[in-house]
Amino acid sequence: MKNNNIISFLAICFLLFTTSCENDDIESKELDSSLYWVSFADVNVSAVENTVGIITAKVSLSAGTQNTDVPITYSVSSPDGAVDGVDYTLPAGFGNAVILAGEHFVDLELASLINDDLVEGDKTLVYTLESAGNFNVGLPNTGSGNTYTLTIKEDDFTLIKGTSFEEPVGGTGYNDAVTQDIDHDLTNNPGESPVDYVSTGGEIGFDAIFISTRVFNTPNGLVNEPIGVLNPSPSLPFTDGDQGYGFADNDGIIKVTFDTVDVSSFTESFVSLDVFITATSYETSSQAPDKVKIYAIVDGGVVLDILDLEADNPDKEMDDYPFQGVWAEQRVDLTGFTTAQLVIEVDVNVNTELILIDNIKFLGL
């Protein structure tokens, strides 16, 4: 009997001992901050450089409710040379934050972006968690989550190619001896407004042809008409520089085709140009209406309309054009295409129906 009591006593002691050890182990785990960690909730974000306000990133604490504050320190670097005060501004108190007692998150203030007019491409800022009190930094096992990448996206487009018609020597008029009942190529005449231009590596080149549309009243060709590269402007000053391209009293279509431009290396691109259409009444005739058609041919075949006006066409009536008498920018998006070619077609039959073009720009980002 006595032996049984001793055995029972020993069993109870063992049970109490093991229970106490388990409780101690649980307590030690609850108090062991190495089991918990602080990390960024996300790993990267992109923001356009004209973003307003301070950009923040959320940092999380993977632990039970804490009774004390958890101090955070963090730093920033740029692998591609973004400069504080030039590309971004660090907020006051940068590098230090606190996850308050009872909280599991804090928003770190990263930077305010500086919007400039420089075309520098995207810039990158990498933020690194340096310490978090007694807690681990980064996710367990993988070690990730301790860095956060902010990509500053460029919002200033690069000029791929363009012209404001400054390189050819402009004139005041153009003569064409070929009768206007024949489709034919237009060529430059000495001392006159050039209608063609071969690029020398600067401004984009262009070539003009004549397409007959008004045989009944156009037997004699063009006589000193304000057609081609003009200097000075016959109307309002040109928008960029002293020269631009004009059309008036064509008595047929003058079609100007510009060099093909490669836009394949840009994630976004577009072509724009400034257009002046004289404020007057545009009319049709028995053979052809007055018209202005501007478009881009992309990837060798697809046509993207930029401006499509035609007298007496209710869907694109020239007299309804809202910008008659003023310069207006026109553009079309080229994103997703690899090549683009600008084409302008104008058909007007009196001198007062003046169409001017300037400041052609292919832009990419």
Foldseek 3Di string as FASTA:
>chain_A
DVVVVVVVVVVVVVVVVVVVVVVVVVVCVLVQQAVKEKFWPDAEDEDELPDADWDKTKIFIPHPQFQAKKKWFKDKDWPVDDDDVPFWHADPPAGIDIQGGRGTMDIHGGTRGDDDQDDDAKTKMKMFTDDTHSHHYADPPVRPRRIHMYIHGYDHWDFQAAFQLPPDDAAQFDWDAQWQVDKFWDADDPPHAGAWDDDPPHHWTKGKIWDAFQNPPTGGTDDGARAHKHAADPADGRPPDRIWGKDFQRNTKIKMKIDKTFQAVFQWKKKKKKKAWAQDAWAADPTAGWWKWKWKAFPNHDIGTFATATDPDVVHHPNPPPRHPHIDMTMDIPRPTTMIMIMIMGHYRHRSGMMIIGDITMIGD
